[in-house]
Amino acid sequence: MRVKVVQKVIVKQVLTEQSKEKLRHKFILEQKGLQNEIEQLRFQLKKIENMKKPSAASLEKQFEKEQKTRLEKLRIIDFQLEQLNLLPIGSELEETKLDAIVEVKEGDSWEEFKSLQTILVKDGIVIEIR
């Protein structure tokens, strides 16, 4: 008897000069986007401060909260960029987890099945399945 089941698979990326540069570029684009959002929030906040309406205070708090959230995301991206610069070429970075459909039949090793499978990708090409 055979049964198909869903199993988690980890996809890891091998860091190359090309993938390192792509990640750096991605982080920098995210930074710029967040900085633009923060500037927009500051602009909106100034408009609200000039309104002098009772609801302005609650809106101010909301905008300040949104601004703090984006500043925290910026700090995380800064940290990720620092870490990226420290990583040596050839490092394996977990990119994502996927669900795979796997066939199990009588006589298969349960321990092998239970262990998470890993797909290793280098510059967009699968180089190993563990």
N, C-alpha and C. Protein backbone atom coordinates (compact mmCIF):
# COMPACT_ATOMS: atom_id res chain seq x y z
N MET A 1 0.84 -1.19 0.00
CA MET A 1 0.00 0.00 0.00
C MET A 1 0.88 1.25 0.00
N ARG A 2 0.46 2.25 -0.75
CA ARG A 2 1.18 3.51 -0.85
C ARG A 2 0.27 4.65 -0.43
N VAL A 3 0.87 5.63 0.26
CA VAL A 3 0.12 6.80 0.71
C VAL A 3 0.94 8.04 0.36
N LYS A 4 0.26 9.08 -0.11
CA LYS A 4 0.93 10.35 -0.36
C LYS A 4 0.65 11.28 0.81
N VAL A 5 1.72 11.88 1.33
CA VAL A 5 1.60 12.79 2.47
C VAL A 5 2.36 14.08 2.17
N VAL A 6 2.01 15.11 2.92
CA VAL A 6 2.68 16.40 2.77
C VAL A 6 3.83 16.47 3.77
N GLN A 7 5.00 16.87 3.27
CA GLN A 7 6.18 16.97 4.12
C GLN A 7 6.81 18.35 3.93
N LYS A 8 7.35 18.92 5.02
CA LYS A 8 8.04 20.21 4.94
C LYS A 8 9.41 20.01 4.30
N VAL A 9 9.77 20.95 3.43
CA VAL A 9 11.06 20.94 2.77
C VAL A 9 11.69 22.32 2.96
N ILE A 10 12.94 22.34 3.38
CA ILE A 10 13.67 23.59 3.55
C ILE A 10 14.42 23.90 2.26
N VAL A 11 14.32 25.14 1.82
CA VAL A 11 15.08 25.57 0.65
C VAL A 11 16.17 26.52 1.14
N LYS A 12 17.43 26.14 0.86
CA LYS A 12 18.57 26.96 1.27
C LYS A 12 19.28 27.49 0.04
N GLN A 13 19.78 28.70 0.17
CA GLN A 13 20.52 29.34 -0.90
C GLN A 13 22.00 29.35 -0.54
N VAL A 14 22.86 28.92 -1.46
CA VAL A 14 24.30 29.01 -1.26
C VAL A 14 24.71 30.42 -1.65
N LEU A 15 25.38 31.11 -0.75
CA LEU A 15 25.78 32.48 -0.98
C LEU A 15 26.93 32.55 -1.99
N THR A 16 26.69 33.27 -3.08
CA THR A 16 27.72 33.53 -4.08
C THR A 16 27.87 35.04 -4.18
N GLU A 17 28.87 35.50 -4.89
CA GLU A 17 29.02 36.96 -5.08
C GLU A 17 27.76 37.54 -5.70
N GLN A 18 27.20 36.82 -6.67
CA GLN A 18 26.00 37.29 -7.37
C GLN A 18 24.80 37.33 -6.42
N SER A 19 24.58 36.27 -5.65
CA SER A 19 23.42 36.24 -4.75
C SER A 19 23.60 37.23 -3.59
N LYS A 20 24.85 37.42 -3.16
CA LYS A 20 25.13 38.39 -2.10
C LYS A 20 24.78 39.80 -2.57
N GLU A 21 25.15 40.10 -3.81
CA GLU A 21 24.85 41.42 -4.37
C GLU A 21 23.34 41.61 -4.55
N LYS A 22 22.63 40.55 -4.97
CA LYS A 22 21.17 40.63 -5.11
C LYS A 22 20.51 40.90 -3.75
N LEU A 23 20.98 40.20 -2.72
CA LEU A 23 20.42 40.42 -1.38
C LEU A 23 20.71 41.84 -0.90
N ARG A 24 21.93 42.29 -1.12
CA ARG A 24 22.30 43.65 -0.71
C ARG A 24 21.39 44.66 -1.41
N HIS A 25 21.18 44.47 -2.71
CA HIS A 25 20.33 45.37 -3.49
C HIS A 25 18.88 45.34 -2.96
N LYS A 26 18.39 44.15 -2.64
CA LYS A 26 17.03 43.99 -2.11
C LYS A 26 16.89 44.75 -0.78
N PHE A 27 17.89 44.60 0.11
CA PHE A 27 17.84 45.29 1.40
C PHE A 27 17.87 46.80 1.21
N ILE A 28 18.69 47.28 0.28
CA ILE A 28 18.80 48.71 0.05
C ILE A 28 17.49 49.27 -0.50
N LEU A 29 16.84 48.52 -1.40
CA LEU A 29 15.53 48.95 -1.92
C LEU A 29 14.49 49.01 -0.80
N GLU A 30 14.51 48.00 0.08
CA GLU A 30 13.58 48.00 1.22
C GLU A 30 13.84 49.21 2.11
N GLN A 31 15.12 49.52 2.34
CA GLN A 31 15.47 50.69 3.16
C GLN A 31 14.90 51.97 2.55
N LYS A 32 15.12 52.14 1.25
CA LYS A 32 14.64 53.35 0.57
C LYS A 32 13.12 53.46 0.65
N GLY A 33 12.44 52.34 0.46
CA GLY A 33 10.99 52.34 0.56
C GLY A 33 10.51 52.75 1.94
N LEU A 34 11.14 52.19 2.97
CA LEU A 34 10.77 52.54 4.34
C LEU A 34 11.08 54.00 4.65
N GLN A 35 12.21 54.50 4.16
CA GLN A 35 12.55 55.90 4.38
C GLN A 35 11.53 56.82 3.72
N ASN A 36 11.08 56.45 2.53
CA ASN A 36 10.04 57.24 1.85
C ASN A 36 8.74 57.22 2.64
N GLU A 37 8.38 56.04 3.17
CA GLU A 37 7.16 55.94 3.97
C GLU A 37 7.26 56.79 5.23
N ILE A 38 8.42 56.79 5.86
CA ILE A 38 8.62 57.59 7.08
C ILE A 38 8.49 59.07 6.76
N GLU A 39 9.08 59.51 5.66
CA GLU A 39 8.96 60.92 5.26
C GLU A 39 7.50 61.29 4.98
N GLN A 40 6.78 60.40 4.35
CA GLN A 40 5.36 60.63 4.06
C GLN A 40 4.57 60.73 5.37
N LEU A 41 4.87 59.85 6.31
CA LEU A 41 4.19 59.89 7.61
C LEU A 41 4.49 61.21 8.34
N ARG A 42 5.74 61.66 8.27
CA ARG A 42 6.11 62.93 8.92
C ARG A 42 5.33 64.09 8.29
N PHE A 43 5.22 64.06 6.98
CA PHE A 43 4.48 65.10 6.28
C PHE A 43 3.00 65.09 6.70
N GLN A 44 2.41 63.90 6.75
CA GLN A 44 1.01 63.77 7.16
C GLN A 44 0.83 64.22 8.61
N LEU A 45 1.81 63.89 9.44
CA LEU A 45 1.74 64.26 10.86
C LEU A 45 1.74 65.78 11.02
N LYS A 46 2.55 66.47 10.23
CA LYS A 46 2.58 67.93 10.30
C LYS A 46 1.24 68.51 9.87
N LYS A 47 0.61 67.91 8.86
CA LYS A 47 -0.70 68.38 8.42
C LYS A 47 -1.72 68.20 9.54
N ILE A 48 -1.66 67.08 10.23
CA ILE A 48 -2.61 66.80 11.32
C ILE A 48 -2.39 67.76 12.48
N GLU A 49 -1.12 68.05 12.79
CA GLU A 49 -0.82 68.96 13.90
C GLU A 49 -1.42 70.35 13.64
N ASN A 50 -1.50 70.73 12.40
CA ASN A 50 -2.05 72.05 12.05
C ASN A 50 -3.57 72.08 12.06
N MET A 51 -4.22 70.91 12.11
CA MET A 51 -5.68 70.85 12.08
C MET A 51 -6.31 71.36 13.36
N LYS A 52 -5.73 71.10 14.50
CA LYS A 52 -6.25 71.54 15.82
C LYS A 52 -7.66 71.02 16.08
N LYS A 53 -7.93 69.79 15.65
CA LYS A 53 -9.24 69.19 15.91
C LYS A 53 -9.08 68.16 17.03
N PRO A 54 -10.20 67.85 17.72
CA PRO A 54 -10.12 66.88 18.81
C PRO A 54 -9.61 65.50 18.37
N SER A 55 -9.92 65.11 17.16
CA SER A 55 -9.49 63.80 16.68
C SER A 55 -8.02 63.79 16.26
N ALA A 56 -7.42 64.96 16.20
CA ALA A 56 -6.03 65.07 15.75
C ALA A 56 -5.08 64.34 16.70
N ALA A 57 -5.36 64.36 17.99
CA ALA A 57 -4.47 63.73 18.96
C ALA A 57 -4.38 62.22 18.74
N SER A 58 -5.51 61.58 18.52
CA SER A 58 -5.50 60.14 18.30
C SER A 58 -4.82 59.80 16.97
N LEU A 59 -5.03 60.65 15.96
CA LEU A 59 -4.37 60.44 14.68
C LEU A 59 -2.85 60.61 14.82
N GLU A 60 -2.44 61.58 15.62
CA GLU A 60 -1.01 61.79 15.87
C GLU A 60 -0.38 60.54 16.46
N LYS A 61 -1.06 59.97 17.45
CA LYS A 61 -0.54 58.76 18.09
C LYS A 61 -0.42 57.62 17.08
N GLN A 62 -1.42 57.49 16.23
CA GLN A 62 -1.41 56.44 15.21
C GLN A 62 -0.24 56.62 14.24
N PHE A 63 -0.04 57.87 13.80
CA PHE A 63 1.06 58.14 12.87
C PHE A 63 2.42 57.90 13.54
N GLU A 64 2.54 58.28 14.80
CA GLU A 64 3.79 58.06 15.53
C GLU A 64 4.07 56.56 15.69
N LYS A 65 3.01 55.80 15.95
CA LYS A 65 3.16 54.35 16.07
C LYS A 65 3.63 53.74 14.74
N GLU A 66 3.00 54.18 13.65
CA GLU A 66 3.39 53.69 12.32
C GLU A 66 4.84 54.06 12.02
N GLN A 67 5.23 55.25 12.41
CA GLN A 67 6.59 55.71 12.18
C GLN A 67 7.58 54.85 12.98
N LYS A 68 7.27 54.56 14.23
CA LYS A 68 8.14 53.72 15.06
C LYS A 68 8.28 52.32 14.46
N THR A 69 7.18 51.78 13.94
CA THR A 69 7.21 50.45 13.33
C THR A 69 8.18 50.44 12.15
N ARG A 70 8.11 51.46 11.34
CA ARG A 70 9.00 51.52 10.16
C ARG A 70 10.45 51.76 10.56
N LEU A 71 10.67 52.55 11.59
CA LEU A 71 12.04 52.77 12.08
C LEU A 71 12.64 51.46 12.60
N GLU A 72 11.82 50.66 13.26
CA GLU A 72 12.29 49.37 13.75
C GLU A 72 12.64 48.45 12.58
N LYS A 73 11.81 48.46 11.55
CA LYS A 73 12.11 47.66 10.35
C LYS A 73 13.42 48.12 9.71
N LEU A 74 13.66 49.44 9.71
CA LEU A 74 14.91 49.97 9.17
C LEU A 74 16.11 49.46 9.97
N ARG A 75 15.98 49.43 11.29
CA ARG A 75 17.08 48.92 12.14
C ARG A 75 17.35 47.45 11.84
N ILE A 76 16.29 46.69 11.60
CA ILE A 76 16.45 45.26 11.28
C ILE A 76 17.18 45.10 9.95
N ILE A 77 16.81 45.90 8.97
CA ILE A 77 17.48 45.82 7.66
C ILE A 77 18.94 46.23 7.78
N ASP A 78 19.23 47.26 8.58
CA ASP A 78 20.62 47.66 8.81
C ASP A 78 21.42 46.49 9.38
N PHE A 79 20.82 45.80 10.36
CA PHE A 79 21.48 44.65 10.97
C PHE A 79 21.70 43.54 9.93
N GLN A 80 20.68 43.28 9.10
CA GLN A 80 20.80 42.25 8.07
C GLN A 80 21.91 42.59 7.07
N LEU A 81 22.04 43.86 6.72
CA LEU A 81 23.12 44.27 5.81
C LEU A 81 24.49 44.05 6.46
N GLU A 82 24.60 44.38 7.74
CA GLU A 82 25.86 44.15 8.46
C GLU A 82 26.20 42.66 8.46
N GLN A 83 25.21 41.83 8.76
CA GLN A 83 25.43 40.38 8.80
C GLN A 83 25.80 39.84 7.42
N LEU A 84 25.15 40.36 6.39
CA LEU A 84 25.43 39.93 5.02
C LEU A 84 26.89 40.21 4.66
N ASN A 85 27.39 41.36 5.09
CA ASN A 85 28.78 41.72 4.80
C ASN A 85 29.76 40.78 5.51
N LEU A 86 29.35 40.21 6.64
CA LEU A 86 30.22 39.31 7.39
C LEU A 86 30.21 37.87 6.88
N LEU A 87 29.13 37.50 6.18
CA LEU A 87 28.99 36.11 5.73
C LEU A 87 29.98 35.77 4.62
N PRO A 88 30.67 34.64 4.76
CA PRO A 88 31.60 34.23 3.70
C PRO A 88 30.84 33.62 2.52
N ILE A 89 31.43 33.72 1.35
CA ILE A 89 30.87 33.08 0.15
C ILE A 89 30.83 31.58 0.41
N GLY A 90 29.74 30.95 0.03
CA GLY A 90 29.56 29.52 0.26
C GLY A 90 28.67 29.21 1.46
N SER A 91 28.32 30.24 2.25
CA SER A 91 27.41 30.05 3.38
C SER A 91 26.05 29.63 2.86
N GLU A 92 25.33 28.85 3.66
CA GLU A 92 23.98 28.42 3.29
C GLU A 92 22.97 29.23 4.08
N LEU A 93 22.08 29.91 3.37
CA LEU A 93 21.05 30.72 4.00
C LEU A 93 19.69 30.10 3.77
N GLU A 94 18.92 29.93 4.85
CA GLU A 94 17.57 29.39 4.69
C GLU A 94 16.72 30.44 4.00
N GLU A 95 16.17 30.06 2.87
CA GLU A 95 15.38 30.99 2.07
C GLU A 95 13.90 30.87 2.37
N THR A 96 13.41 29.63 2.42
CA THR A 96 11.98 29.41 2.65
C THR A 96 11.73 27.96 3.05
N LYS A 97 10.50 27.70 3.45
CA LYS A 97 10.05 26.32 3.71
C LYS A 97 8.86 26.07 2.80
N LEU A 98 8.84 24.90 2.20
CA LEU A 98 7.77 24.54 1.28
C LEU A 98 7.11 23.24 1.74
N ASP A 99 5.92 22.99 1.23
CA ASP A 99 5.26 21.71 1.43
C ASP A 99 5.47 20.87 0.17
N ALA A 100 5.89 19.63 0.37
CA ALA A 100 6.08 18.72 -0.76
C ALA A 100 5.21 17.49 -0.55
N ILE A 101 4.71 16.93 -1.63
CA ILE A 101 3.93 15.71 -1.55
C ILE A 101 4.89 14.55 -1.76
N VAL A 102 4.93 13.67 -0.76
CA VAL A 102 5.87 12.55 -0.77
C VAL A 102 5.08 11.25 -0.65
N GLU A 103 5.53 10.25 -1.38
CA GLU A 103 4.87 8.95 -1.33
C GLU A 103 5.58 8.07 -0.30
N VAL A 104 4.79 7.48 0.58
CA VAL A 104 5.31 6.56 1.59
C VAL A 104 4.66 5.20 1.36
N LYS A 105 5.48 4.16 1.43
CA LYS A 105 4.92 2.82 1.25
C LYS A 105 5.43 1.92 2.36
N GLU A 106 4.76 0.81 2.53
CA GLU A 106 5.15 -0.15 3.55
C GLU A 106 6.60 -0.55 3.33
N GLY A 107 7.35 -0.61 4.43
CA GLY A 107 8.76 -0.99 4.35
C GLY A 107 9.71 0.20 4.30
N ASP A 108 9.18 1.44 4.07
CA ASP A 108 10.03 2.62 4.06
C ASP A 108 10.49 2.95 5.47
N SER A 109 11.65 3.56 5.59
CA SER A 109 12.19 3.98 6.88
C SER A 109 11.44 5.22 7.37
N TRP A 110 10.80 5.09 8.51
CA TRP A 110 10.04 6.21 9.07
C TRP A 110 10.97 7.32 9.52
N GLU A 111 12.14 6.98 10.06
CA GLU A 111 13.09 7.99 10.53
C GLU A 111 13.56 8.86 9.36
N GLU A 112 13.85 8.25 8.23
CA GLU A 112 14.26 9.01 7.05
C GLU A 112 13.13 9.92 6.59
N PHE A 113 11.92 9.42 6.66
CA PHE A 113 10.78 10.22 6.22
C PHE A 113 10.56 11.42 7.13
N LYS A 114 10.70 11.20 8.44
CA LYS A 114 10.44 12.27 9.41
C LYS A 114 11.45 13.41 9.31
N SER A 115 12.67 13.11 8.91
CA SER A 115 13.69 14.15 8.84
C SER A 115 13.34 15.12 7.71
N LEU A 116 13.53 16.40 7.99
CA LEU A 116 13.21 17.42 7.00
C LEU A 116 14.15 17.30 5.80
N GLN A 117 13.57 17.38 4.64
CA GLN A 117 14.37 17.38 3.41
C GLN A 117 14.87 18.80 3.17
N THR A 118 16.01 18.91 2.50
CA THR A 118 16.58 20.21 2.18
C THR A 118 16.92 20.27 0.70
N ILE A 119 16.54 21.37 0.07
CA ILE A 119 16.91 21.63 -1.31
C ILE A 119 17.92 22.76 -1.29
N LEU A 120 19.07 22.53 -1.91
CA LEU A 120 20.13 23.51 -1.95
C LEU A 120 20.15 24.16 -3.33
N VAL A 121 20.09 25.50 -3.34
CA VAL A 121 20.02 26.26 -4.58
C VAL A 121 21.23 27.20 -4.66
N LYS A 122 21.85 27.24 -5.83
CA LYS A 122 22.99 28.13 -6.05
C LYS A 122 22.73 28.93 -7.32
N ASP A 123 22.62 30.24 -7.18
CA ASP A 123 22.34 31.13 -8.30
C ASP A 123 21.13 30.67 -9.11
N GLY A 124 20.07 30.26 -8.40
CA GLY A 124 18.81 29.91 -9.04
C GLY A 124 18.74 28.50 -9.59
N ILE A 125 19.78 27.68 -9.35
CA ILE A 125 19.81 26.32 -9.86
C ILE A 125 19.92 25.35 -8.69
N VAL A 126 19.04 24.32 -8.68
CA VAL A 126 19.08 23.29 -7.65
C VAL A 126 20.38 22.51 -7.84
N ILE A 127 21.21 22.48 -6.78
CA ILE A 127 22.48 21.75 -6.90
C ILE A 127 22.51 20.50 -6.05
N GLU A 128 21.57 20.41 -5.08
CA GLU A 128 21.57 19.22 -4.22
C GLU A 128 20.23 19.10 -3.51
N ILE A 129 19.81 17.84 -3.31
CA ILE A 129 18.63 17.54 -2.51
C ILE A 129 19.11 16.58 -1.44
N ARG A 130 18.94 16.98 -0.19
CA ARG A 130 19.42 16.17 0.93
C ARG A 130 18.26 15.50 1.64
